[in-house]
Amino acid sequence: MGFSDRILGKKNVNGAPHIESVSPPFALTGGEVRIAGYGLRPSELRRPRVQFGETEGTVVISSDSFLVARVPEGATSGPVVVATNGHVSNPQTVKVAVPIAENLHPVTNPALDSEGNIYVTFSGSRGQKVPVAIFKIDTNYAVKPFVAEMMNATGIAFDRQGQMYVSSRYDGAVYRVAPNGTMTTYAEGMGVATGIAFDREENLYVGDRSGTIFKIGRDQQVFVFATLEPSVSAYHLAFSPQGDLFVAGPTTSSFDCIYRIDPQGSVHTFYRGLGRPQGLAFDASGNLYVAASLGGKRGVLRITPEGKANVEVSGQGLVGLAFAPGRSVILATTNAVHHLAWNVQAWPLLPE
């Protein structure tokens, strides 16, 4: 008996749909997941119902062997089931990210300090003066104003001593921000300064939208480290466990690259074929995570060191991510940040 016969036999036994897998198993509300199995569509070709807990999702595509459903507002982590002709499938678990702060405007990764507080920007449009440039979200998820005077706060990074640095795409400067929110200029003259990251020796790297990656030494001397093609929005930077700098610079293409820059400043194409790649982060195994589109599916992708890519978290509007203690992740969209329990060991290592 062939595979199709076995499926038909199963369907004929009780008429119930059966879910074999849900991918990806992590999502934000509004993200789309693919449910594979059999008996997933009623024989009358009506659309099935998909329940995320007590909340019904929207079915985007349906067939007998798979369907695509959109995670509805109000959905929480828990079982997803498919219902057809009065029968309900077996449940599969989908973990849904929890919104923790809204009405923000991050344009790249959020950042966490050593105590687990989250920092996120309200960047605004170019040249827009906003009342609060950076918000602090404490470990109880209370949101408080942190920096008020900066124009177009963009990238945030902490050095090994826990000192915060923030780039401004308005004036091309990087500011050092004290624990009380006051700021001093650390370096200037870097064009439209966007993503920032520290290497092991605590040199700071800054992406300029015109295509330059600057290196700022610990003595605050500024050098041109590498040159790439211009980006339409921002550069996003992260160092791998091996010490290479990885850079995403979204363009108007739907076939963008992730670049790997070695310690000598030589530029290599690491992965090509992404739509609007943005915030970057690494896990302890050297896998790269990026907010991007792959094959028309938007979310957080994992790209292995060998260059194999897969969508791990489904969601629209994602611009960045930061791993958090307890094997969790903070996800930033264009107007909010979310928390997701995710069994990934971060790099650099974080408390379990």
C-alpha atoms as a PDB file:
ATOM      1  CA  MET A   1       0.000   0.000   0.000  1.00  0.00           C
ATOM      2  CA  GLY A   2       1.436   3.365  -1.064  1.00  0.00           C
ATOM      3  CA  PHE A   3       1.721   6.536   0.995  1.00  0.00           C
ATOM      4  CA  SER A   4      -1.413   8.074  -0.528  1.00  0.00           C
ATOM      5  CA  ASP A   5      -3.381   4.903   0.181  1.00  0.00           C
ATOM      6  CA  ARG A   6      -2.262   4.959   3.818  1.00  0.00           C
ATOM      7  CA  ILE A   7      -3.373   8.609   4.084  1.00  0.00           C
ATOM      8  CA  LEU A   8      -6.741   7.823   2.514  1.00  0.00           C
ATOM      9  CA  GLY A   9      -7.111   4.881   4.823  1.00  0.00           C
ATOM     10  CA  LYS A  10      -6.462   7.083   7.848  1.00  0.00           C
ATOM     11  CA  LYS A  11      -8.937   9.698   6.645  1.00  0.00           C
ATOM     12  CA  ASN A  12     -11.592   7.061   6.069  1.00  0.00           C
ATOM     13  CA  VAL A  13     -11.234   5.733   9.594  1.00  0.00           C
ATOM     14  CA  ASN A  14     -12.551   8.770  11.467  1.00  0.00           C
ATOM     15  CA  GLY A  15     -12.722  11.676   9.006  1.00  0.00           C
ATOM     16  CA  ALA A  16     -10.625  13.866  11.255  1.00  0.00           C
ATOM     17  CA  PRO A  17      -7.836  16.077   9.913  1.00  0.00           C
ATOM     18  CA  HIS A  18      -4.329  15.295  11.114  1.00  0.00           C
ATOM     19  CA  ILE A  19      -1.421  17.719  11.640  1.00  0.00           C
ATOM     20  CA  GLU A  20       2.072  16.348  11.135  1.00  0.00           C
ATOM     21  CA  SER A  21       4.042  19.590  11.517  1.00  0.00           C
ATOM     22  CA  VAL A  22       3.799  23.350  11.891  1.00  0.00           C
ATOM     23  CA  SER A  23       6.571  25.542  10.537  1.00  0.00           C
ATOM     24  CA  PRO A  24       7.928  27.699  11.800  1.00  0.00           C
ATOM     25  CA  PRO A  25       6.797  26.792  15.335  1.00  0.00           C
ATOM     26  CA  PHE A  26       7.476  30.361  16.560  1.00  0.00           C
ATOM     27  CA  ALA A  27       5.623  33.479  15.435  1.00  0.00           C
ATOM     28  CA  LEU A  28       4.423  36.988  16.142  1.00  0.00           C
ATOM     29  CA  THR A  29       0.766  37.832  15.687  1.00  0.00           C
ATOM     30  CA  GLY A  30       0.293  38.569  11.996  1.00  0.00           C
ATOM     31  CA  GLY A  31       2.929  36.021  11.034  1.00  0.00           C
ATOM     32  CA  GLU A  32       2.059  33.073   8.820  1.00  0.00           C
ATOM     33  CA  VAL A  33       2.691  29.402   9.614  1.00  0.00           C
ATOM     34  CA  ARG A  34       2.495  26.387   7.320  1.00  0.00           C
ATOM     35  CA  ILE A  35       0.544  23.440   8.699  1.00  0.00           C
ATOM     36  CA  ALA A  36       1.290  20.116   6.989  1.00  0.00           C
ATOM     37  CA  GLY A  37      -0.679  16.888   7.365  1.00  0.00           C
ATOM     38  CA  TYR A  38      -3.645  15.252   5.693  1.00  0.00           C
ATOM     39  CA  GLY A  39      -7.403  15.715   5.587  1.00  0.00           C
ATOM     40  CA  LEU A  40      -6.888  19.427   6.202  1.00  0.00           C
ATOM     41  CA  ARG A  41      -9.621  20.659   3.851  1.00  0.00           C
ATOM     42  CA  PRO A  42     -13.294  19.652   3.796  1.00  0.00           C
ATOM     43  CA  SER A  43     -14.398  17.566   0.842  1.00  0.00           C
ATOM     44  CA  GLU A  44     -16.824  20.331  -0.244  1.00  0.00           C
ATOM     45  CA  LEU A  45     -13.736  22.558  -0.852  1.00  0.00           C
ATOM     46  CA  ARG A  46     -14.788  24.953   1.896  1.00  0.00           C
ATOM     47  CA  ARG A  47     -12.000  26.449   3.914  1.00  0.00           C
ATOM     48  CA  PRO A  48     -11.113  24.742   7.193  1.00  0.00           C
ATOM     49  CA  ARG A  49     -10.991  26.535  10.510  1.00  0.00           C
ATOM     50  CA  VAL A  50      -7.678  26.976  12.303  1.00  0.00           C
ATOM     51  CA  GLN A  51      -7.755  27.673  16.026  1.00  0.00           C
ATOM     52  CA  PHE A  52      -4.798  29.149  17.927  1.00  0.00           C
ATOM     53  CA  GLY A  53      -6.005  28.317  21.417  1.00  0.00           C
ATOM     54  CA  GLU A  54      -9.407  30.008  21.683  1.00  0.00           C
ATOM     55  CA  THR A  55      -8.753  32.435  18.808  1.00  0.00           C
ATOM     56  CA  GLU A  56      -9.458  31.678  15.161  1.00  0.00           C
ATOM     57  CA  GLY A  57      -6.764  32.468  12.621  1.00  0.00           C
ATOM     58  CA  THR A  58      -7.133  33.456   8.983  1.00  0.00           C
ATOM     59  CA  VAL A  59      -6.589  30.701   6.421  1.00  0.00           C
ATOM     60  CA  VAL A  60      -4.536  32.144   3.558  1.00  0.00           C
ATOM     61  CA  ILE A  61      -4.047  28.964   1.489  1.00  0.00           C
ATOM     62  CA  SER A  62      -5.671  25.578   1.977  1.00  0.00           C
ATOM     63  CA  SER A  63      -5.341  22.121   0.469  1.00  0.00           C
ATOM     64  CA  ASP A  64      -5.756  18.579   1.702  1.00  0.00           C
ATOM     65  CA  SER A  65      -2.073  18.185   2.603  1.00  0.00           C
ATOM     66  CA  PHE A  66      -1.112  21.647   3.831  1.00  0.00           C
ATOM     67  CA  LEU A  67      -2.483  25.058   4.654  1.00  0.00           C
ATOM     68  CA  VAL A  68      -1.079  28.476   5.517  1.00  0.00           C
ATOM     69  CA  ALA A  69      -2.671  30.327   8.416  1.00  0.00           C
ATOM     70  CA  ARG A  70      -2.067  33.797   9.854  1.00  0.00           C
ATOM     71  CA  VAL A  71      -1.597  34.037  13.618  1.00  0.00           C
ATOM     72  CA  PRO A  72      -4.457  36.252  14.897  1.00  0.00           C
ATOM     73  CA  GLU A  73      -4.290  39.170  17.304  1.00  0.00           C
ATOM     74  CA  GLY A  74      -4.771  37.911  20.832  1.00  0.00           C
ATOM     75  CA  ALA A  75      -3.225  34.520  20.179  1.00  0.00           C
ATOM     76  CA  THR A  76      -0.919  33.160  22.872  1.00  0.00           C
ATOM     77  CA  SER A  77       1.515  30.268  22.998  1.00  0.00           C
ATOM     78  CA  GLY A  78      -0.277  26.926  23.014  1.00  0.00           C
ATOM     79  CA  PRO A  79      -2.035  24.419  20.797  1.00  0.00           C
ATOM     80  CA  VAL A  80      -3.094  24.992  17.208  1.00  0.00           C
ATOM     81  CA  VAL A  81      -5.755  22.713  15.696  1.00  0.00           C
ATOM     82  CA  VAL A  82      -7.536  22.383  12.360  1.00  0.00           C
ATOM     83  CA  ALA A  83     -11.310  21.769  12.274  1.00  0.00           C
ATOM     84  CA  THR A  84     -13.183  20.328   9.271  1.00  0.00           C
ATOM     85  CA  ASN A  85     -16.688  18.869   8.970  1.00  0.00           C
ATOM     86  CA  GLY A  86     -17.145  18.848  12.714  1.00  0.00           C
ATOM     87  CA  HIS A  87     -13.880  17.018  13.336  1.00  0.00           C
ATOM     88  CA  VAL A  88     -10.881  18.515  15.119  1.00  0.00           C
ATOM     89  CA  SER A  89      -7.280  17.535  14.492  1.00  0.00           C
ATOM     90  CA  ASN A  90      -4.592  16.611  16.957  1.00  0.00           C
ATOM     91  CA  PRO A  91      -2.933  19.698  18.519  1.00  0.00           C
ATOM     92  CA  GLN A  92       0.521  21.026  17.745  1.00  0.00           C
ATOM     93  CA  THR A  93       2.248  23.714  19.800  1.00  0.00           C
ATOM     94  CA  VAL A  94       3.016  27.168  18.422  1.00  0.00           C
ATOM     95  CA  LYS A  95       4.874  29.678  20.585  1.00  0.00           C
ATOM     96  CA  VAL A  96       3.679  33.248  20.056  1.00  0.00           C
ATOM     97  CA  ALA A  97       5.816  36.243  21.033  1.00  0.00           C
ATOM     98  CA  VAL A  98       4.395  38.474  23.769  1.00  0.00           C
ATOM     99  CA  PRO A  99       4.347  42.249  23.118  1.00  0.00           C
ATOM    100  CA  ILE A 100       6.056  44.115  25.965  1.00  0.00           C
ATOM    101  CA  ALA A 101       6.163  47.701  24.663  1.00  0.00           C
ATOM    102  CA  GLU A 102       4.405  49.498  21.827  1.00  0.00           C
ATOM    103  CA  ASN A 103       4.350  52.945  20.164  1.00  0.00           C
ATOM    104  CA  LEU A 104       8.099  52.845  19.543  1.00  0.00           C
ATOM    105  CA  HIS A 105      10.201  53.240  16.406  1.00  0.00           C
ATOM    106  CA  PRO A 106      13.244  50.954  16.423  1.00  0.00           C
ATOM    107  CA  VAL A 107      15.203  50.720  13.175  1.00  0.00           C
ATOM    108  CA  THR A 108      17.640  47.995  14.238  1.00  0.00           C
ATOM    109  CA  ASN A 109      18.373  45.665  17.181  1.00  0.00           C
ATOM    110  CA  PRO A 110      17.265  46.465  20.716  1.00  0.00           C
ATOM    111  CA  ALA A 111      20.040  46.089  23.311  1.00  0.00           C
ATOM    112  CA  LEU A 112      20.258  44.610  26.811  1.00  0.00           C
ATOM    113  CA  ASP A 113      22.518  45.605  29.685  1.00  0.00           C
ATOM    114  CA  SER A 114      24.109  43.155  32.124  1.00  0.00           C
ATOM    115  CA  GLU A 115      21.058  43.332  34.412  1.00  0.00           C
ATOM    116  CA  GLY A 116      18.622  42.385  31.661  1.00  0.00           C
ATOM    117  CA  ASN A 117      17.130  45.841  31.096  1.00  0.00           C
ATOM    118  CA  ILE A 118      16.110  46.427  27.468  1.00  0.00           C
ATOM    119  CA  TYR A 119      16.885  49.605  25.542  1.00  0.00           C
ATOM    120  CA  VAL A 120      15.043  50.528  22.374  1.00  0.00           C
ATOM    121  CA  THR A 121      14.880  53.635  20.221  1.00  0.00           C
ATOM    122  CA  PHE A 122      12.154  55.927  19.038  1.00  0.00           C
ATOM    123  CA  SER A 123      14.215  56.918  16.023  1.00  0.00           C
ATOM    124  CA  GLY A 124      11.707  59.025  14.100  1.00  0.00           C
ATOM    125  CA  SER A 125      12.056  60.140  10.503  1.00  0.00           C
ATOM    126  CA  ARG A 126      15.311  61.754   9.401  1.00  0.00           C
ATOM    127  CA  GLY A 127      15.675  65.124  11.115  1.00  0.00           C
ATOM    128  CA  GLN A 128      12.629  64.616  13.361  1.00  0.00           C
ATOM    129  CA  LYS A 129      13.048  65.759  16.972  1.00  0.00           C
ATOM    130  CA  VAL A 130      11.130  63.345  19.180  1.00  0.00           C
ATOM    131  CA  PRO A 131      10.372  63.830  22.914  1.00  0.00           C
ATOM    132  CA  VAL A 132      12.197  60.613  23.907  1.00  0.00           C
ATOM    133  CA  ALA A 133      14.959  59.076  21.776  1.00  0.00           C
ATOM    134  CA  ILE A 134      15.646  55.928  23.833  1.00  0.00           C
ATOM    135  CA  PHE A 135      13.368  54.065  26.220  1.00  0.00           C
ATOM    136  CA  LYS A 136      14.449  51.721  29.002  1.00  0.00           C
ATOM    137  CA  ILE A 137      12.303  48.647  29.657  1.00  0.00           C
ATOM    138  CA  ASP A 138      13.138  47.132  33.026  1.00  0.00           C
ATOM    139  CA  THR A 139      12.956  43.455  33.953  1.00  0.00           C
ATOM    140  CA  ASN A 140       9.300  43.923  34.989  1.00  0.00           C
ATOM    141  CA  TYR A 141       8.611  45.352  31.511  1.00  0.00           C
ATOM    142  CA  ALA A 142       7.969  48.851  32.852  1.00  0.00           C
ATOM    143  CA  VAL A 143       8.778  51.360  30.102  1.00  0.00           C
ATOM    144  CA  LYS A 144      10.590  54.547  31.116  1.00  0.00           C
ATOM    145  CA  PRO A 145      12.129  57.457  29.153  1.00  0.00           C
ATOM    146  CA  PHE A 146      15.934  57.191  29.178  1.00  0.00           C
ATOM    147  CA  VAL A 147      17.468  59.623  26.637  1.00  0.00           C
ATOM    148  CA  ALA A 148      15.627  62.740  25.499  1.00  0.00           C
ATOM    149  CA  GLU A 149      17.952  64.992  23.507  1.00  0.00           C
ATOM    150  CA  MET A 150      19.399  62.787  20.779  1.00  0.00           C
ATOM    151  CA  MET A 151      18.270  63.184  17.165  1.00  0.00           C
ATOM    152  CA  ASN A 152      17.512  59.978  15.243  1.00  0.00           C
ATOM    153  CA  ALA A 153      18.985  57.473  17.703  1.00  0.00           C
ATOM    154  CA  THR A 154      19.787  54.401  15.624  1.00  0.00           C
ATOM    155  CA  GLY A 155      22.154  51.643  16.799  1.00  0.00           C
ATOM    156  CA  ILE A 156      22.838  50.748  20.448  1.00  0.00           C
ATOM    157  CA  ALA A 157      25.789  48.729  21.763  1.00  0.00           C
ATOM    158  CA  PHE A 158      27.386  48.075  25.155  1.00  0.00           C
ATOM    159  CA  ASP A 159      31.093  47.637  25.764  1.00  0.00           C
ATOM    160  CA  ARG A 160      32.532  45.046  28.141  1.00  0.00           C
ATOM    161  CA  GLN A 161      32.273  47.433  31.087  1.00  0.00           C
ATOM    162  CA  GLY A 162      28.554  47.988  30.459  1.00  0.00           C
ATOM    163  CA  GLN A 163      28.949  51.458  28.961  1.00  0.00           C
ATOM    164  CA  MET A 164      26.284  52.332  26.382  1.00  0.00           C
ATOM    165  CA  TYR A 165      27.077  53.765  22.945  1.00  0.00           C
ATOM    166  CA  VAL A 166      24.460  55.025  20.487  1.00  0.00           C
ATOM    167  CA  SER A 167      24.767  56.115  16.852  1.00  0.00           C
ATOM    168  CA  SER A 168      22.777  58.954  15.308  1.00  0.00           C
ATOM    169  CA  ARG A 169      21.951  58.807  11.632  1.00  0.00           C
ATOM    170  CA  TYR A 170      21.123  62.535  11.825  1.00  0.00           C
ATOM    171  CA  ASP A 171      24.584  63.937  12.584  1.00  0.00           C
ATOM    172  CA  GLY A 172      26.893  60.973  11.917  1.00  0.00           C
ATOM    173  CA  ALA A 173      28.070  60.807  15.520  1.00  0.00           C
ATOM    174  CA  VAL A 174      28.337  58.113  18.172  1.00  0.00           C
ATOM    175  CA  TYR A 175      27.407  59.145  21.708  1.00  0.00           C
ATOM    176  CA  ARG A 176      28.442  57.616  25.010  1.00  0.00           C
ATOM    177  CA  VAL A 177      25.449  57.501  27.358  1.00  0.00           C
ATOM    178  CA  ALA A 178      25.814  57.459  31.140  1.00  0.00           C
ATOM    179  CA  PRO A 179      23.553  55.352  33.413  1.00  0.00           C
ATOM    180  CA  ASN A 180      21.523  58.487  34.208  1.00  0.00           C
ATOM    181  CA  GLY A 181      20.825  59.099  30.497  1.00  0.00           C
ATOM    182  CA  THR A 182      23.197  62.016  29.961  1.00  0.00           C
ATOM    183  CA  MET A 183      25.340  61.793  26.846  1.00  0.00           C
ATOM    184  CA  THR A 184      28.702  62.941  25.533  1.00  0.00           C
ATOM    185  CA  THR A 185      30.081  62.782  22.002  1.00  0.00           C
ATOM    186  CA  TYR A 186      32.394  59.780  21.472  1.00  0.00           C
ATOM    187  CA  ALA A 187      33.152  60.096  17.724  1.00  0.00           C
ATOM    188  CA  GLU A 188      31.964  62.267  14.843  1.00  0.00           C
ATOM    189  CA  GLY A 189      32.039  62.525  11.064  1.00  0.00           C
ATOM    190  CA  MET A 190      30.637  59.148  10.030  1.00  0.00           C
ATOM    191  CA  GLY A 191      28.022  60.223   7.498  1.00  0.00           C
ATOM    192  CA  VAL A 192      24.649  58.602   8.122  1.00  0.00           C
ATOM    193  CA  ALA A 193      25.795  56.468  11.060  1.00  0.00           C
ATOM    194  CA  THR A 194      23.645  53.402  11.636  1.00  0.00           C
ATOM    195  CA  GLY A 195      24.572  49.942  12.997  1.00  0.00           C
ATOM    196  CA  ILE A 196      27.329  49.609  15.608  1.00  0.00           C
ATOM    197  CA  ALA A 197      29.181  46.675  17.209  1.00  0.00           C
ATOM    198  CA  PHE A 198      32.261  46.029  19.376  1.00  0.00           C
ATOM    199  CA  ASP A 199      34.977  43.495  18.584  1.00  0.00           C
ATOM    200  CA  ARG A 200      36.912  41.454  21.160  1.00  0.00           C
ATOM    201  CA  GLU A 201      39.503  44.214  21.592  1.00  0.00           C
ATOM    202  CA  GLU A 202      36.691  46.749  22.181  1.00  0.00           C
ATOM    203  CA  ASN A 203      37.181  48.609  18.943  1.00  0.00           C
ATOM    204  CA  LEU A 204      33.828  50.023  17.829  1.00  0.00           C
ATOM    205  CA  TYR A 205      32.574  49.564  14.261  1.00  0.00           C
ATOM    206  CA  VAL A 206      30.009  51.874  12.677  1.00  0.00           C
ATOM    207  CA  GLY A 207      28.118  51.504   9.410  1.00  0.00           C
ATOM    208  CA  ASP A 208      27.553  54.569   7.200  1.00  0.00           C
ATOM    209  CA  ARG A 209      24.727  54.318   4.672  1.00  0.00           C
ATOM    210  CA  SER A 210      26.979  55.550   1.870  1.00  0.00           C
ATOM    211  CA  GLY A 211      28.872  52.242   2.051  1.00  0.00           C
ATOM    212  CA  THR A 212      31.671  52.735   4.578  1.00  0.00           C
ATOM    213  CA  ILE A 213      32.292  50.638   7.679  1.00  0.00           C
ATOM    214  CA  PHE A 214      34.313  52.730  10.147  1.00  0.00           C
ATOM    215  CA  LYS A 215      36.542  51.372  12.893  1.00  0.00           C
ATOM    216  CA  ILE A 216      36.971  53.476  16.037  1.00  0.00           C
ATOM    217  CA  GLY A 217      39.951  52.471  18.150  1.00  0.00           C
ATOM    218  CA  ARG A 218      39.967  52.595  21.926  1.00  0.00           C
ATOM    219  CA  ASP A 219      41.901  55.862  21.596  1.00  0.00           C
ATOM    220  CA  GLN A 220      38.886  57.194  19.610  1.00  0.00           C
ATOM    221  CA  GLN A 221      40.819  57.395  16.335  1.00  0.00           C
ATOM    222  CA  VAL A 222      38.519  56.736  13.360  1.00  0.00           C
ATOM    223  CA  PHE A 223      39.612  54.595  10.376  1.00  0.00           C
ATOM    224  CA  VAL A 224      37.894  53.285   7.246  1.00  0.00           C
ATOM    225  CA  PHE A 225      37.707  49.519   7.815  1.00  0.00           C
ATOM    226  CA  ALA A 226      35.792  48.321   4.729  1.00  0.00           C
ATOM    227  CA  THR A 227      33.628  49.578   1.873  1.00  0.00           C
ATOM    228  CA  LEU A 228      30.341  48.081   0.680  1.00  0.00           C
ATOM    229  CA  GLU A 229      27.537  49.135  -1.648  1.00  0.00           C
ATOM    230  CA  PRO A 230      25.238  51.859  -0.247  1.00  0.00           C
ATOM    231  CA  SER A 231      22.240  50.834   1.862  1.00  0.00           C
ATOM    232  CA  VAL A 232      18.763  52.325   1.577  1.00  0.00           C
ATOM    233  CA  SER A 233      18.097  52.342   5.322  1.00  0.00           C
ATOM    234  CA  ALA A 234      20.840  51.171   7.662  1.00  0.00           C
ATOM    235  CA  TYR A 235      23.717  48.830   8.133  1.00  0.00           C
ATOM    236  CA  HIS A 236      23.308  46.123  10.749  1.00  0.00           C
ATOM    237  CA  LEU A 237      26.459  44.723  12.353  1.00  0.00           C
ATOM    238  CA  ALA A 238      27.319  41.702  14.509  1.00  0.00           C
ATOM    239  CA  PHE A 239      30.515  39.821  15.338  1.00  0.00           C
ATOM    240  CA  SER A 240      30.627  36.051  15.047  1.00  0.00           C
ATOM    241  CA  PRO A 241      32.181  33.818  17.721  1.00  0.00           C
ATOM    242  CA  GLN A 242      35.168  33.474  15.352  1.00  0.00           C
ATOM    243  CA  GLY A 243      35.731  37.249  15.313  1.00  0.00           C
ATOM    244  CA  ASP A 244      34.504  38.116  11.806  1.00  0.00           C
ATOM    245  CA  LEU A 245      32.203  41.095  11.314  1.00  0.00           C
ATOM    246  CA  PHE A 246      28.907  40.301   9.587  1.00  0.00           C
ATOM    247  CA  VAL A 247      27.010  43.115   7.907  1.00  0.00           C
ATOM    248  CA  ALA A 248      23.527  43.442   6.407  1.00  0.00           C
ATOM    249  CA  GLY A 249      22.671  46.491   4.333  1.00  0.00           C
ATOM    250  CA  PRO A 250      19.189  46.375   2.817  1.00  0.00           C
ATOM    251  CA  THR A 251      18.802  47.835  -0.668  1.00  0.00           C
ATOM    252  CA  THR A 252      15.820  48.057  -3.008  1.00  0.00           C
ATOM    253  CA  SER A 253      16.650  44.564  -4.267  1.00  0.00           C
ATOM    254  CA  SER A 254      14.861  41.428  -3.093  1.00  0.00           C
ATOM    255  CA  PHE A 255      18.130  39.516  -3.469  1.00  0.00           C
ATOM    256  CA  ASP A 256      20.316  41.205  -0.860  1.00  0.00           C
ATOM    257  CA  CYS A 257      23.517  39.925   0.740  1.00  0.00           C
ATOM    258  CA  ILE A 258      24.934  39.267   4.146  1.00  0.00           C
ATOM    259  CA  TYR A 259      28.628  40.161   4.070  1.00  0.00           C
ATOM    260  CA  ARG A 260      31.440  38.685   6.143  1.00  0.00           C
ATOM    261  CA  ILE A 261      34.402  40.981   6.776  1.00  0.00           C
ATOM    262  CA  ASP A 262      37.518  39.360   8.160  1.00  0.00           C
ATOM    263  CA  PRO A 263      39.772  41.083  10.740  1.00  0.00           C
ATOM    264  CA  GLN A 264      41.946  42.462   7.915  1.00  0.00           C
ATOM    265  CA  GLY A 265      38.955  44.250   6.348  1.00  0.00           C
ATOM    266  CA  SER A 266      38.503  41.948   3.341  1.00  0.00           C
ATOM    267  CA  VAL A 267      34.851  41.685   2.298  1.00  0.00           C
ATOM    268  CA  HIS A 268      33.273  38.316   1.406  1.00  0.00           C
ATOM    269  CA  THR A 269      29.685  37.490   0.423  1.00  0.00           C
ATOM    270  CA  PHE A 270      28.377  35.091   3.073  1.00  0.00           C
ATOM    271  CA  TYR A 271      24.792  34.673   1.864  1.00  0.00           C
ATOM    272  CA  ARG A 272      22.823  36.104  -1.049  1.00  0.00           C
ATOM    273  CA  GLY A 273      19.086  35.963  -1.646  1.00  0.00           C
ATOM    274  CA  LEU A 274      17.351  37.857   1.176  1.00  0.00           C
ATOM    275  CA  GLY A 275      14.711  40.552   1.093  1.00  0.00           C
ATOM    276  CA  ARG A 276      15.549  43.595   3.234  1.00  0.00           C
ATOM    277  CA  PRO A 277      17.912  41.939   5.760  1.00  0.00           C
ATOM    278  CA  GLN A 278      18.121  43.924   8.980  1.00  0.00           C
ATOM    279  CA  GLY A 279      19.121  43.240  12.613  1.00  0.00           C
ATOM    280  CA  LEU A 280      21.723  40.508  13.199  1.00  0.00           C
ATOM    281  CA  ALA A 281      22.693  38.258  16.132  1.00  0.00           C
ATOM    282  CA  PHE A 282      24.713  35.064  16.673  1.00  0.00           C
ATOM    283  CA  ASP A 283      24.211  31.981  18.796  1.00  0.00           C
ATOM    284  CA  ALA A 284      26.990  30.053  20.533  1.00  0.00           C
ATOM    285  CA  SER A 285      27.171  27.525  17.663  1.00  0.00           C
ATOM    286  CA  GLY A 286      27.965  30.229  15.125  1.00  0.00           C
ATOM    287  CA  ASN A 287      24.515  30.326  13.524  1.00  0.00           C
ATOM    288  CA  LEU A 288      23.531  33.792  12.316  1.00  0.00           C
ATOM    289  CA  TYR A 289      20.027  35.160  12.941  1.00  0.00           C
ATOM    290  CA  VAL A 290      18.678  37.957  10.776  1.00  0.00           C
ATOM    291  CA  ALA A 291      15.352  39.755  10.376  1.00  0.00           C
ATOM    292  CA  ALA A 292      14.657  39.315   6.658  1.00  0.00           C
ATOM    293  CA  SER A 293      12.472  37.768   3.967  1.00  0.00           C
ATOM    294  CA  LEU A 294      13.329  34.444   2.373  1.00  0.00           C
ATOM    295  CA  GLY A 295      11.261  33.212  -0.546  1.00  0.00           C
ATOM    296  CA  GLY A 296       8.588  35.788   0.269  1.00  0.00           C
ATOM    297  CA  LYS A 297       8.320  34.731   3.930  1.00  0.00           C
ATOM    298  CA  ARG A 298       9.200  37.421   6.488  1.00  0.00           C
ATOM    299  CA  GLY A 299      10.574  36.633   9.897  1.00  0.00           C
ATOM    300  CA  VAL A 300      13.754  35.776  11.754  1.00  0.00           C
ATOM    301  CA  LEU A 301      15.996  33.497   9.715  1.00  0.00           C
ATOM    302  CA  ARG A 302      18.740  31.223  10.949  1.00  0.00           C
ATOM    303  CA  ILE A 303      21.698  30.859   8.595  1.00  0.00           C
ATOM    304  CA  THR A 304      24.149  28.101   9.499  1.00  0.00           C
ATOM    305  CA  PRO A 305      27.922  28.564   9.155  1.00  0.00           C
ATOM    306  CA  GLU A 306      27.619  26.466   5.969  1.00  0.00           C
ATOM    307  CA  GLY A 307      25.148  28.973   4.488  1.00  0.00           C
ATOM    308  CA  LYS A 308      21.855  27.064   4.873  1.00  0.00           C
ATOM    309  CA  ALA A 309      18.932  29.396   5.656  1.00  0.00           C
ATOM    310  CA  ASN A 310      15.554  28.685   7.250  1.00  0.00           C
ATOM    311  CA  VAL A 311      12.749  30.822   8.692  1.00  0.00           C
ATOM    312  CA  GLU A 312      12.670  30.184  12.449  1.00  0.00           C
ATOM    313  CA  VAL A 313      10.179  32.860  13.592  1.00  0.00           C
ATOM    314  CA  SER A 314       7.363  34.169  11.393  1.00  0.00           C
ATOM    315  CA  GLY A 315       6.409  37.818  11.659  1.00  0.00           C
ATOM    316  CA  GLN A 316       5.884  41.012   9.703  1.00  0.00           C
ATOM    317  CA  GLY A 317       7.719  44.286  10.211  1.00  0.00           C
ATOM    318  CA  LEU A 318      10.689  42.758  12.050  1.00  0.00           C
ATOM    319  CA  VAL A 319      13.783  44.971  12.112  1.00  0.00           C
ATOM    320  CA  GLY A 320      15.992  43.413  14.791  1.00  0.00           C
ATOM    321  CA  LEU A 321      16.519  41.038  17.677  1.00  0.00           C
ATOM    322  CA  ALA A 322      18.597  40.627  20.820  1.00  0.00           C
ATOM    323  CA  PHE A 323      19.066  37.454  22.817  1.00  0.00           C
ATOM    324  CA  ALA A 324      18.060  37.715  26.477  1.00  0.00           C
ATOM    325  CA  PRO A 325      18.807  35.666  29.614  1.00  0.00           C
ATOM    326  CA  GLY A 326      16.909  32.412  30.093  1.00  0.00           C
ATOM    327  CA  ARG A 327      17.243  31.352  26.445  1.00  0.00           C
ATOM    328  CA  SER A 328      14.786  33.941  25.229  1.00  0.00           C
ATOM    329  CA  VAL A 329      14.885  36.678  22.612  1.00  0.00           C
ATOM    330  CA  ILE A 330      13.649  40.259  22.318  1.00  0.00           C
ATOM    331  CA  LEU A 331      12.191  40.941  18.872  1.00  0.00           C
ATOM    332  CA  ALA A 332      11.808  44.458  17.483  1.00  0.00           C
ATOM    333  CA  THR A 333       9.273  45.432  14.841  1.00  0.00           C
ATOM    334  CA  THR A 334       8.842  48.885  13.332  1.00  0.00           C
ATOM    335  CA  ASN A 335       6.693  50.014  16.271  1.00  0.00           C
ATOM    336  CA  ALA A 336       7.028  47.546  19.164  1.00  0.00           C
ATOM    337  CA  VAL A 337       9.196  45.027  21.003  1.00  0.00           C
ATOM    338  CA  HIS A 338       8.204  41.479  21.912  1.00  0.00           C
ATOM    339  CA  HIS A 339       9.501  38.694  24.149  1.00  0.00           C
ATOM    340  CA  LEU A 340       9.737  35.088  22.966  1.00  0.00           C
ATOM    341  CA  ALA A 341      10.855  32.010  24.909  1.00  0.00           C
ATOM    342  CA  TRP A 342      13.275  30.353  22.500  1.00  0.00           C
ATOM    343  CA  ASN A 343      15.695  27.563  23.319  1.00  0.00           C
ATOM    344  CA  VAL A 344      18.765  29.161  21.725  1.00  0.00           C
ATOM    345  CA  GLN A 345      22.091  29.657  23.511  1.00  0.00           C
ATOM    346  CA  ALA A 346      23.191  33.208  22.690  1.00  0.00           C
ATOM    347  CA  TRP A 347      26.605  34.549  21.762  1.00  0.00           C
ATOM    348  CA  PRO A 348      28.115  36.130  23.773  1.00  0.00           C
ATOM    349  CA  LEU A 349      26.918  33.681  26.412  1.00  0.00           C
ATOM    350  CA  LEU A 350      24.072  34.838  28.651  1.00  0.00           C
ATOM    351  CA  PRO A 351      22.706  33.480  31.962  1.00  0.00           C
ATOM    352  CA  GLU A 352      20.466  30.459  31.594  1.00  0.00           C
END
